C-alpha atoms as a PDB file:
ATOM      1  CA  MET A   1     171.313 126.524 -51.792  1.00  0.00           C
ATOM      2  CA  ASN A   2     173.085 125.073 -48.778  1.00  0.00           C
ATOM      3  CA  ALA A   3     173.411 127.925 -46.256  1.00  0.00           C
ATOM      4  CA  ARG A   4     176.087 126.075 -44.312  1.00  0.00           C
ATOM      5  CA  LEU A   5     178.843 126.681 -46.885  1.00  0.00           C
ATOM      6  CA  PHE A   6     181.403 129.367 -46.076  1.00  0.00           C
ATOM      7  CA  PRO A   7     179.896 130.415 -42.731  1.00  0.00           C
ATOM      8  CA  GLN A   8     182.388 133.266 -42.277  1.00  0.00           C
ATOM      9  CA  ILE A   9     180.269 135.586 -44.479  1.00  0.00           C
ATOM     10  CA  ARG A  10     176.631 135.284 -45.501  1.00  0.00           C
ATOM     11  CA  SER A  11     173.661 137.354 -46.607  1.00  0.00           C
ATOM     12  CA  ILE A  12     170.198 135.850 -46.333  1.00  0.00           C
ATOM     13  CA  ARG A  13     167.219 137.465 -48.077  1.00  0.00           C
ATOM     14  CA  ARG A  14     164.107 135.869 -46.583  1.00  0.00           C
ATOM     15  CA  ILE A  15     163.280 134.490 -43.089  1.00  0.00           C
ATOM     16  CA  VAL A  16     160.684 132.974 -40.007  1.00  0.00           C
ATOM     17  CA  ALA A  17     159.363 130.028 -37.847  1.00  0.00           C
ATOM     18  CA  ALA A  18     157.908 128.477 -34.714  1.00  0.00           C
ATOM     19  CA  ALA A  19     158.093 129.542 -31.101  1.00  0.00           C
ATOM     20  CA  VAL A  20     159.069 128.522 -27.608  1.00  0.00           C
ATOM     21  CA  LEU A  21     158.044 130.653 -24.636  1.00  0.00           C
ATOM     22  CA  VAL A  22     160.793 132.511 -22.822  1.00  0.00           C
ATOM     23  CA  SER A  23     159.988 135.180 -20.262  1.00  0.00           C
ATOM     24  CA  ILE A  24     162.442 137.181 -18.200  1.00  0.00           C
ATOM     25  CA  ALA A  25     162.027 139.708 -15.431  1.00  0.00           C
ATOM     26  CA  ALA A  26     164.560 142.513 -15.598  1.00  0.00           C
ATOM     27  CA  GLY A  27     162.891 145.802 -14.842  1.00  0.00           C
ATOM     28  CA  SER A  28     160.941 147.956 -12.466  1.00  0.00           C
ATOM     29  CA  SER A  29     157.544 147.485 -10.913  1.00  0.00           C
ATOM     30  CA  ALA A  30     156.197 149.521 -13.855  1.00  0.00           C
ATOM     31  CA  HIS A  31     157.779 147.415 -16.585  1.00  0.00           C
ATOM     32  CA  ALA A  32     159.172 143.895 -16.804  1.00  0.00           C
ATOM     33  CA  ASP A  33     161.091 142.964 -19.943  1.00  0.00           C
ATOM     34  CA  SER A  34     159.697 139.923 -21.729  1.00  0.00           C
ATOM     35  CA  ILE A  35     160.589 137.873 -24.800  1.00  0.00           C
ATOM     36  CA  ARG A  36     158.591 135.183 -26.584  1.00  0.00           C
ATOM     37  CA  GLY A  37     159.660 133.035 -29.496  1.00  0.00           C
ATOM     38  CA  ASP A  38     162.908 131.783 -30.972  1.00  0.00           C
ATOM     39  CA  CYS A  39     165.026 131.633 -34.094  1.00  0.00           C
ATOM     40  CA  ARG A  40     165.999 128.458 -35.913  1.00  0.00           C
ATOM     41  CA  TYR A  41     169.059 128.079 -38.074  1.00  0.00           C
ATOM     42  CA  ASP A  42     170.852 125.120 -39.628  1.00  0.00           C
ATOM     43  CA  GLY A  43     168.724 122.626 -37.671  1.00  0.00           C
ATOM     44  CA  GLU A  44     169.267 124.391 -34.328  1.00  0.00           C
ATOM     45  CA  THR A  45     166.725 126.256 -32.216  1.00  0.00           C
ATOM     46  CA  ILE A  46     168.112 129.417 -30.614  1.00  0.00           C
ATOM     47  CA  THR A  47     166.267 130.461 -27.462  1.00  0.00           C
ATOM     48  CA  PHE A  48     166.809 133.979 -26.153  1.00  0.00           C
ATOM     49  CA  VAL A  49     166.805 134.821 -22.447  1.00  0.00           C
ATOM     50  CA  ASP A  50     167.478 138.561 -22.381  1.00  0.00           C
ATOM     51  CA  GLY A  51     167.101 141.614 -24.556  1.00  0.00           C
ATOM     52  CA  VAL A  52     167.538 145.355 -24.814  1.00  0.00           C
ATOM     53  CA  VAL A  53     166.524 148.202 -27.093  1.00  0.00           C
ATOM     54  CA  PHE A  54     168.504 151.355 -27.847  1.00  0.00           C
ATOM     55  CA  LYS A  55     168.731 154.120 -30.433  1.00  0.00           C
ATOM     56  CA  ASP A  56     171.528 154.373 -32.986  1.00  0.00           C
ATOM     57  CA  ALA A  57     172.363 156.609 -35.958  1.00  0.00           C
ATOM     58  CA  ASN A  58     171.097 155.414 -39.337  1.00  0.00           C
ATOM     59  CA  TYR A  59     173.891 153.830 -41.429  1.00  0.00           C
ATOM     60  CA  PHE A  60     173.312 156.025 -44.471  1.00  0.00           C
ATOM     61  CA  ASP A  61     171.835 159.213 -43.021  1.00  0.00           C
ATOM     62  CA  LYS A  62     173.498 160.186 -39.743  1.00  0.00           C
ATOM     63  CA  SER A  63     170.811 162.837 -39.172  1.00  0.00           C
ATOM     64  CA  LYS A  64     168.268 160.012 -38.736  1.00  0.00           C
ATOM     65  CA  THR A  65     167.952 157.679 -35.747  1.00  0.00           C
ATOM     66  CA  ASP A  66     167.125 153.968 -35.916  1.00  0.00           C
ATOM     67  CA  ILE A  67     165.874 151.727 -33.145  1.00  0.00           C
ATOM     68  CA  VAL A  68     167.993 148.634 -32.460  1.00  0.00           C
ATOM     69  CA  VAL A  69     166.475 145.609 -30.690  1.00  0.00           C
ATOM     70  CA  ALA A  70     168.983 143.008 -29.482  1.00  0.00           C
ATOM     71  CA  LEU A  71     168.017 139.595 -28.074  1.00  0.00           C
ATOM     72  CA  THR A  72     170.640 137.348 -26.466  1.00  0.00           C
ATOM     73  CA  THR A  73     171.103 133.808 -25.157  1.00  0.00           C
ATOM     74  CA  PHE A  74     172.910 135.193 -22.105  1.00  0.00           C
ATOM     75  CA  ALA A  75     172.138 137.699 -19.346  1.00  0.00           C
ATOM     76  CA  LEU A  76     173.008 141.253 -20.309  1.00  0.00           C
ATOM     77  CA  ASP A  77     174.680 143.839 -18.130  1.00  0.00           C
ATOM     78  CA  LYS A  78     172.071 146.507 -18.830  1.00  0.00           C
ATOM     79  CA  ALA A  79     173.607 149.013 -16.447  1.00  0.00           C
ATOM     80  CA  ALA A  80     176.783 148.934 -18.551  1.00  0.00           C
ATOM     81  CA  LEU A  81     174.784 149.350 -21.748  1.00  0.00           C
ATOM     82  CA  ALA A  82     172.834 152.265 -20.286  1.00  0.00           C
ATOM     83  CA  SER A  83     176.017 154.050 -19.220  1.00  0.00           C
ATOM     84  CA  THR A  84     177.740 154.139 -22.642  1.00  0.00           C
ATOM     85  CA  THR A  85     177.005 155.914 -25.891  1.00  0.00           C
ATOM     86  CA  GLN A  86     178.710 153.075 -27.797  1.00  0.00           C
ATOM     87  CA  LYS A  87     175.964 150.560 -27.148  1.00  0.00           C
ATOM     88  CA  GLY A  88     176.594 148.425 -30.236  1.00  0.00           C
ATOM     89  CA  ALA A  89     180.260 147.939 -29.344  1.00  0.00           C
ATOM     90  CA  ALA A  90     179.386 147.273 -25.690  1.00  0.00           C
ATOM     91  CA  LEU A  91     176.852 144.640 -26.747  1.00  0.00           C
ATOM     92  CA  MET A  92     179.466 142.967 -28.961  1.00  0.00           C
ATOM     93  CA  SER A  93     181.962 142.929 -26.089  1.00  0.00           C
ATOM     94  CA  GLN A  94     179.443 141.303 -23.745  1.00  0.00           C
ATOM     95  CA  ARG A  95     178.689 138.602 -26.318  1.00  0.00           C
ATOM     96  CA  SER A  96     182.407 137.952 -26.896  1.00  0.00           C
ATOM     97  CA  ALA A  97     182.926 137.532 -23.147  1.00  0.00           C
ATOM     98  CA  VAL A  98     180.381 134.687 -22.951  1.00  0.00           C
ATOM     99  CA  ASP A  99     181.267 131.205 -24.183  1.00  0.00           C
ATOM    100  CA  ASP A 100     178.946 130.275 -27.068  1.00  0.00           C
ATOM    101  CA  GLY A 101     177.040 133.559 -26.689  1.00  0.00           C
ATOM    102  CA  ARG A 102     174.417 134.130 -29.392  1.00  0.00           C
ATOM    103  CA  SER A 103     172.477 137.236 -30.372  1.00  0.00           C
ATOM    104  CA  VAL A 104     170.002 138.451 -32.957  1.00  0.00           C
ATOM    105  CA  LYS A 105     169.773 142.157 -33.693  1.00  0.00           C
ATOM    106  CA  LEU A 106     166.965 143.978 -35.503  1.00  0.00           C
ATOM    107  CA  ARG A 107     167.466 147.487 -36.886  1.00  0.00           C
ATOM    108  CA  ILE A 108     164.186 149.386 -37.136  1.00  0.00           C
ATOM    109  CA  ASP A 109     163.947 152.296 -39.550  1.00  0.00           C
ATOM    110  CA  GLY A 110     160.665 154.102 -38.998  1.00  0.00           C
ATOM    111  CA  ALA A 111     157.862 151.522 -39.192  1.00  0.00           C
ATOM    112  CA  MET A 112     159.922 148.725 -40.778  1.00  0.00           C
ATOM    113  CA  VAL A 113     162.819 146.410 -40.005  1.00  0.00           C
ATOM    114  CA  SER A 114     165.666 147.318 -42.364  1.00  0.00           C
ATOM    115  CA  SER A 115     168.151 144.613 -41.288  1.00  0.00           C
ATOM    116  CA  ILE A 116     168.553 141.503 -39.134  1.00  0.00           C
ATOM    117  CA  ASP A 117     171.858 140.078 -37.894  1.00  0.00           C
ATOM    118  CA  TYR A 118     172.390 136.739 -36.149  1.00  0.00           C
ATOM    119  CA  ASN A 119     175.784 136.035 -34.561  1.00  0.00           C
ATOM    120  CA  GLY A 120     176.963 132.997 -32.643  1.00  0.00           C
ATOM    121  CA  ALA A 121     178.785 129.663 -32.731  1.00  0.00           C
ATOM    122  CA  GLY A 122     181.257 130.925 -35.321  1.00  0.00           C
ATOM    123  CA  THR A 123     178.399 131.878 -37.631  1.00  0.00           C
ATOM    124  CA  SER A 124     177.170 135.231 -38.891  1.00  0.00           C
ATOM    125  CA  VAL A 125     173.948 135.605 -40.877  1.00  0.00           C
ATOM    126  CA  SER A 126     172.623 138.954 -42.028  1.00  0.00           C
ATOM    127  CA  SER A 127     169.897 140.328 -44.245  1.00  0.00           C
ATOM    128  CA  SER A 128     169.241 143.926 -45.175  1.00  0.00           C
ATOM    129  CA  GLY A 129     166.864 145.729 -47.467  1.00  0.00           C
ATOM    130  CA  GLY A 130     164.047 148.218 -47.654  1.00  0.00           C
ATOM    131  CA  ASP A 131     161.524 146.223 -45.625  1.00  0.00           C
ATOM    132  CA  ILE A 132     162.229 142.810 -44.086  1.00  0.00           C
ATOM    133  CA  GLY A 133     159.649 140.435 -42.642  1.00  0.00           C
ATOM    134  CA  GLU A 134     156.426 141.257 -40.836  1.00  0.00           C
ATOM    135  CA  PHE A 135     156.863 143.866 -38.116  1.00  0.00           C
ATOM    136  CA  THR A 136     154.010 144.896 -35.813  1.00  0.00           C
ATOM    137  CA  VAL A 137     154.294 147.550 -33.090  1.00  0.00           C
ATOM    138  CA  LYS A 138     151.866 147.645 -30.170  1.00  0.00           C
ATOM    139  CA  ALA A 139     153.616 150.419 -28.250  1.00  0.00           C
ATOM    140  CA  ASN A 140     156.768 152.499 -28.584  1.00  0.00           C
ATOM    141  CA  ASP A 141     157.369 155.399 -26.225  1.00  0.00           C
ATOM    142  CA  ALA A 142     160.283 157.050 -24.449  1.00  0.00           C
ATOM    143  CA  THR A 143     160.754 154.090 -22.092  1.00  0.00           C
ATOM    144  CA  HIS A 144     159.990 150.861 -23.962  1.00  0.00           C
ATOM    145  CA  ILE A 145     158.931 149.117 -27.171  1.00  0.00           C
ATOM    146  CA  ASP A 146     156.328 146.342 -27.399  1.00  0.00           C
ATOM    147  CA  ALA A 147     156.380 144.652 -30.818  1.00  0.00           C
ATOM    148  CA  SER A 148     156.503 141.392 -32.773  1.00  0.00           C
ATOM    149  CA  PHE A 149     158.571 140.325 -35.752  1.00  0.00           C
ATOM    150  CA  VAL A 150     158.228 137.379 -38.136  1.00  0.00           C
ATOM    151  CA  LEU A 151     160.673 136.455 -40.915  1.00  0.00           C
ATOM    152  CA  LYS A 152     159.953 133.567 -43.224  1.00  0.00           C
ATOM    153  CA  ASP A 153     162.007 131.293 -45.435  1.00  0.00           C
ATOM    154  CA  ASP A 154     160.981 128.046 -47.075  1.00  0.00           C
ATOM    155  CA  ASP A 155     164.412 126.485 -46.550  1.00  0.00           C
ATOM    156  CA  ALA A 156     164.646 124.880 -43.105  1.00  0.00           C
ATOM    157  CA  ASP A 157     168.426 125.374 -43.130  1.00  0.00           C
ATOM    158  CA  ASP A 158     168.045 129.149 -43.375  1.00  0.00           C
ATOM    159  CA  LEU A 159     167.405 131.532 -40.503  1.00  0.00           C
ATOM    160  CA  ASN A 160     163.777 131.364 -39.349  1.00  0.00           C
ATOM    161  CA  CYS A 161     162.404 133.542 -36.555  1.00  0.00           C
ATOM    162  CA  THR A 162     159.139 134.259 -34.789  1.00  0.00           C
ATOM    163  CA  LEU A 163     159.640 136.820 -32.029  1.00  0.00           C
ATOM    164  CA  SER A 164     157.715 139.159 -29.784  1.00  0.00           C
ATOM    165  CA  PHE A 165     159.289 141.422 -27.192  1.00  0.00           C
ATOM    166  CA  ASN A 166     158.479 144.106 -24.663  1.00  0.00           C
ATOM    167  CA  LEU A 167     161.762 145.782 -23.745  1.00  0.00           C
ATOM    168  CA  ALA A 168     162.916 148.879 -21.901  1.00  0.00           C
ATOM    169  CA  TYR A 169     165.356 151.234 -23.593  1.00  0.00           C
ATOM    170  CA  ALA A 170     168.925 150.830 -22.352  1.00  0.00           C
ATOM    171  CA  SER A 171     169.051 154.545 -21.556  1.00  0.00           C
ATOM    172  CA  THR A 172     166.333 154.041 -18.940  1.00  0.00           C
ATOM    173  CA  ALA A 173     167.757 152.892 -15.593  1.00  0.00           C
ATOM    174  CA  PRO A 174     165.405 150.214 -14.191  1.00  0.00           C
ATOM    175  CA  ALA A 175     164.453 150.296 -10.523  1.00  0.00           C
ATOM    176  CA  THR A 176     163.290 147.676  -8.077  1.00  0.00           C
ATOM    177  CA  ALA A 177     159.950 147.866  -6.286  1.00  0.00           C
ATOM    178  CA  GLY A 178     161.743 149.643  -3.455  1.00  0.00           C
ATOM    179  CA  GLY A 179     163.052 152.271  -5.855  1.00  0.00           C
ATOM    180  CA  ALA A 180     166.717 151.281  -5.773  1.00  0.00           C
ATOM    181  CA  ALA A 181     168.629 150.295  -8.872  1.00  0.00           C
ATOM    182  CA  PRO A 182     168.894 146.487  -9.052  1.00  0.00           C
ATOM    183  CA  ALA A 183     172.251 144.838  -8.653  1.00  0.00           C
ATOM    184  CA  THR A 184     173.662 143.533 -11.910  1.00  0.00           C
ATOM    185  CA  LYS A 185     176.597 141.287 -12.441  1.00  0.00           C
ATOM    186  CA  ALA A 186     179.080 143.208 -14.530  1.00  0.00           C
ATOM    187  CA  ALA A 187     180.382 141.551 -17.663  1.00  0.00           C
ATOM    188  CA  PRO A 188     184.157 141.179 -17.754  1.00  0.00           C
ATOM    189  CA  ALA A 189     185.796 144.280 -19.155  1.00  0.00           C
ATOM    190  CA  VAL A 190     187.064 143.609 -22.642  1.00  0.00           C
ATOM    191  CA  GLN A 191     189.736 146.108 -23.617  1.00  0.00           C
ATOM    192  CA  GLY A 192     192.151 145.534 -26.451  1.00  0.00           C
ATOM    193  CA  LYS A 193     194.981 147.388 -28.140  1.00  0.00           C
ATOM    194  CA  ALA A 194     193.707 149.759 -30.810  1.00  0.00           C
ATOM    195  CA  LEU A 195     194.591 148.728 -34.347  1.00  0.00           C
ATOM    196  CA  PRO A 196     195.380 151.372 -36.982  1.00  0.00           C
ATOM    197  CA  ALA A 197     193.626 151.865 -40.292  1.00  0.00           C
ATOM    198  CA  GLY A 198     194.433 148.778 -42.341  1.00  0.00           C
ATOM    199  CA  GLY A 199     194.221 146.569 -39.252  1.00  0.00           C
ATOM    200  CA  GLY A 200     197.907 145.613 -39.026  1.00  0.00           C
ATOM    201  CA  GLU A 201     198.640 141.884 -39.351  1.00  0.00           C
ATOM    202  CA  PRO A 202     195.004 140.817 -38.739  1.00  0.00           C
ATOM    203  CA  GLY A 203     193.980 143.257 -41.480  1.00  0.00           C
ATOM    204  CA  LYS A 204     196.374 141.633 -43.946  1.00  0.00           C
ATOM    205  CA  VAL A 205     194.863 138.209 -43.257  1.00  0.00           C
ATOM    206  CA  PHE A 206     191.341 139.587 -43.657  1.00  0.00           C
ATOM    207  CA  GLN A 207     192.261 141.072 -47.056  1.00  0.00           C
ATOM    208  CA  ALA A 208     193.863 137.779 -48.136  1.00  0.00           C
ATOM    209  CA  ASN A 209     190.692 135.941 -47.128  1.00  0.00           C
ATOM    210  CA  LEU A 210     188.540 138.435 -49.059  1.00  0.00           C
ATOM    211  CA  ALA A 211     190.731 138.123 -52.162  1.00  0.00           C
ATOM    212  CA  ALA A 212     190.416 134.329 -51.980  1.00  0.00           C
ATOM    213  CA  MET A 213     186.614 134.566 -51.730  1.00  0.00           C
ATOM    214  CA  GLN A 214     186.427 136.977 -54.668  1.00  0.00           C
ATOM    215  CA  LYS A 215     188.395 134.494 -56.810  1.00  0.00           C
ATOM    216  CA  GLY A 216     186.672 131.395 -55.461  1.00  0.00           C
ATOM    217  CA  ASP A 217     190.095 130.051 -54.478  1.00  0.00           C
ATOM    218  CA  VAL A 218     189.193 127.365 -51.955  1.00  0.00           C
ATOM    219  CA  ASP A 219     192.780 126.491 -51.009  1.00  0.00           C
ATOM    220  CA  ALA A 220     193.553 130.166 -50.270  1.00  0.00           C
ATOM    221  CA  MET A 221     190.375 130.440 -48.217  1.00  0.00           C
ATOM    222  CA  LEU A 222     191.294 127.367 -46.207  1.00  0.00           C
ATOM    223  CA  ALA A 223     194.692 128.924 -45.499  1.00  0.00           C
ATOM    224  CA  THR A 224     193.124 132.057 -44.013  1.00  0.00           C
ATOM    225  CA  VAL A 225     190.230 130.731 -41.887  1.00  0.00           C
ATOM    226  CA  THR A 226     190.121 129.028 -38.504  1.00  0.00           C
ATOM    227  CA  LYS A 227     190.312 125.244 -38.312  1.00  0.00           C
ATOM    228  CA  GLU A 228     186.619 125.044 -37.377  1.00  0.00           C
ATOM    229  CA  GLN A 229     185.583 127.015 -40.452  1.00  0.00           C
ATOM    230  CA  GLY A 230     188.056 125.138 -42.626  1.00  0.00           C
ATOM    231  CA  ASP A 231     186.662 121.779 -41.533  1.00  0.00           C
ATOM    232  CA  LYS A 232     183.161 122.911 -42.479  1.00  0.00           C
ATOM    233  CA  MET A 233     184.323 123.993 -45.938  1.00  0.00           C
ATOM    234  CA  ARG A 234     186.220 120.742 -46.531  1.00  0.00           C
ATOM    235  CA  ALA A 235     183.090 118.772 -45.658  1.00  0.00           C
ATOM    236  CA  GLN A 236     181.209 120.624 -48.408  1.00  0.00           C
ATOM    237  CA  LYS A 237     183.687 119.801 -51.198  1.00  0.00           C
ATOM    238  CA  SER A 238     182.040 116.431 -51.856  1.00  0.00           C
ATOM    239  CA  ASP A 239     178.619 118.056 -52.358  1.00  0.00           C
ATOM    240  CA  PRO A 240     177.512 117.814 -56.036  1.00  0.00           C
ATOM    241  CA  LYS A 241     176.341 121.429 -55.778  1.00  0.00           C
ATOM    242  CA  PHE A 242     179.720 122.616 -54.572  1.00  0.00           C
ATOM    243  CA  GLY A 243     180.500 124.528 -57.760  1.00  0.00           C
ATOM    244  CA  ALA A 244     177.200 126.411 -57.661  1.00  0.00           C
ATOM    245  CA  MET A 245     177.659 127.195 -53.982  1.00  0.00           C
ATOM    246  CA  LEU A 246     181.142 128.507 -54.695  1.00  0.00           C
ATOM    247  CA  GLU A 247     179.797 130.862 -57.365  1.00  0.00           C
ATOM    248  CA  MET A 248     177.096 132.118 -54.986  1.00  0.00           C
ATOM    249  CA  MET A 249     179.682 132.718 -52.279  1.00  0.00           C
ATOM    250  CA  LYS A 250     181.758 134.750 -54.767  1.00  0.00           C
ATOM    251  CA  SER A 251     178.728 136.879 -55.616  1.00  0.00           C
ATOM    252  CA  PHE A 252     178.190 137.661 -51.907  1.00  0.00           C
ATOM    253  CA  ALA A 253     181.809 138.701 -51.294  1.00  0.00           C
ATOM    254  CA  PRO A 254     182.297 142.500 -51.209  1.00  0.00           C
ATOM    255  CA  LYS A 255     183.855 144.012 -54.322  1.00  0.00           C
ATOM    256  CA  SER A 256     186.305 145.861 -52.087  1.00  0.00           C
ATOM    257  CA  ALA A 257     186.746 146.465 -48.360  1.00  0.00           C
ATOM    258  CA  THR A 258     188.708 148.888 -46.222  1.00  0.00           C
ATOM    259  CA  VAL A 259     189.733 148.098 -42.647  1.00  0.00           C
ATOM    260  CA  THR A 260     189.109 151.321 -40.736  1.00  0.00           C
ATOM    261  CA  GLY A 261     190.529 150.080 -37.416  1.00  0.00           C
ATOM    262  CA  GLY A 262     189.771 147.593 -34.677  1.00  0.00           C
ATOM    263  CA  GLN A 263     191.112 146.034 -31.490  1.00  0.00           C
ATOM    264  CA  ASP A 264     193.760 143.401 -30.795  1.00  0.00           C
ATOM    265  CA  PHE A 265     192.952 141.320 -27.689  1.00  0.00           C
ATOM    266  CA  GLY A 266     196.082 139.163 -27.880  1.00  0.00           C
ATOM    267  CA  ASP A 267     194.687 135.833 -29.041  1.00  0.00           C
ATOM    268  CA  SER A 268     191.760 137.409 -30.906  1.00  0.00           C
ATOM    269  CA  ALA A 269     191.089 140.593 -32.826  1.00  0.00           C
ATOM    270  CA  GLU A 270     188.078 142.416 -34.192  1.00  0.00           C
ATOM    271  CA  LEU A 271     188.311 144.673 -37.233  1.00  0.00           C
ATOM    272  CA  THR A 272     185.879 147.364 -38.353  1.00  0.00           C
ATOM    273  CA  ILE A 273     185.125 147.267 -42.080  1.00  0.00           C
ATOM    274  CA  ASP A 274     183.790 149.645 -44.734  1.00  0.00           C
ATOM    275  CA  ALA A 275     182.954 147.837 -47.970  1.00  0.00           C
ATOM    276  CA  VAL A 276     181.525 148.267 -51.443  1.00  0.00           C
ATOM    277  CA  ASN A 277     179.304 145.385 -52.555  1.00  0.00           C
ATOM    278  CA  GLN A 278     179.088 143.911 -56.060  1.00  0.00           C
ATOM    279  CA  SER A 279     176.084 146.149 -56.776  1.00  0.00           C
ATOM    280  CA  GLY A 280     178.056 149.255 -55.773  1.00  0.00           C
ATOM    281  CA  ALA A 281     176.133 149.717 -52.516  1.00  0.00           C
ATOM    282  CA  ARG A 282     178.150 150.580 -49.423  1.00  0.00           C
ATOM    283  CA  SER A 283     178.093 148.428 -46.295  1.00  0.00           C
ATOM    284  CA  THR A 284     179.786 148.294 -42.916  1.00  0.00           C
ATOM    285  CA  GLY A 285     180.672 145.454 -40.611  1.00  0.00           C
ATOM    286  CA  THR A 286     183.214 143.633 -38.515  1.00  0.00           C
ATOM    287  CA  SER A 287     185.601 140.723 -38.951  1.00  0.00           C
ATOM    288  CA  LYS A 288     186.653 138.564 -36.010  1.00  0.00           C
ATOM    289  CA  LEU A 289     189.987 136.743 -36.154  1.00  0.00           C
ATOM    290  CA  ARG A 290     191.730 134.301 -33.822  1.00  0.00           C
ATOM    291  CA  LYS A 291     195.314 133.162 -33.472  1.00  0.00           C
ATOM    292  CA  GLU A 292     195.896 129.499 -34.219  1.00  0.00           C
ATOM    293  CA  GLY A 293     199.451 128.219 -34.114  1.00  0.00           C
ATOM    294  CA  GLY A 294     200.673 131.794 -33.823  1.00  0.00           C
ATOM    295  CA  GLN A 295     198.918 132.805 -37.069  1.00  0.00           C
ATOM    296  CA  TRP A 296     195.869 135.041 -37.481  1.00  0.00           C
ATOM    297  CA  LYS A 297     192.860 133.278 -38.983  1.00  0.00           C
ATOM    298  CA  VAL A 298     189.447 134.662 -39.935  1.00  0.00           C
ATOM    299  CA  GLU A 299     186.659 133.267 -37.738  1.00  0.00           C
ATOM    300  CA  LYS A 300     183.703 135.230 -39.079  1.00  0.00           C
ATOM    301  CA  THR A 301     182.857 138.399 -40.983  1.00  0.00           C
ATOM    302  CA  SER A 302     179.550 140.230 -40.572  1.00  0.00           C
ATOM    303  CA  MET A 303     178.482 142.922 -43.025  1.00  0.00           C
ATOM    304  CA  LYS A 304     175.442 145.174 -42.889  1.00  0.00           C
ATOM    305  CA  GLY A 305     174.021 147.513 -45.488  1.00  0.00           C
ATOM    306  CA  GLY A 306     172.760 147.549 -49.042  1.00  0.00           C
ATOM    307  CA  MET A 307     173.260 144.518 -51.236  1.00  0.00           C
END
């Protein structure tokens, strides 16, 4: 199956790959954050230069806490992440503020990775399940986590990752050797106008895009996505496997979705989504839209949860 079709929403089941060394210094004299490895997707190697770990409520049991590891292709403002309780939203805002910013996020439930999400270059790839890939922990205490993660897939076009990381928790303020907090360049503040339940006009376009995907209506999909995404879909129409890919895309589309809110940034918007998948499992996610020619268009939709 060609993973490049319909890049605005995907779910990938298996994953891994080869590595390039990347090491960054971003901590105190007692701990220096480090990352080794890379991810490869659609013929591209994604090299990460920064990372952070934080705790977040479990999607399905709010009384439980998951560990979230995020690796990025850009420098993070860790002071900003440490100072907010909404770390996932803050991370998303920092990525949106960087041209061509990429990130991969691992959600760790107990001793296993329960989901992986890759976002960047107009593409969103996610996989979730009971136990994904090979996850090995060397250390995990109140200040940092030292672990490795390998996800394998036989298809070179799919997401492949081999990663190891030693990262301080975002709630821990790093210090320099002299004891003072290091200076960090603040990411531009990204504040939008709150959107109501339903998402307003962007929400209507998202629902139209979802309805088109559920029906496999290519023309309706092309009318609701950005030009970049539309060009990619048009290029696939000559593929002999186009019909099969269309049916697979339909099977991945949520059965129903509710826009719970979001933010309007003027020329872009981000919606928060609650959905029910074809299997009946619930999932959550976001949909990013942009204005093109004065009209809202779906750029990408990322969903997380049971499939």
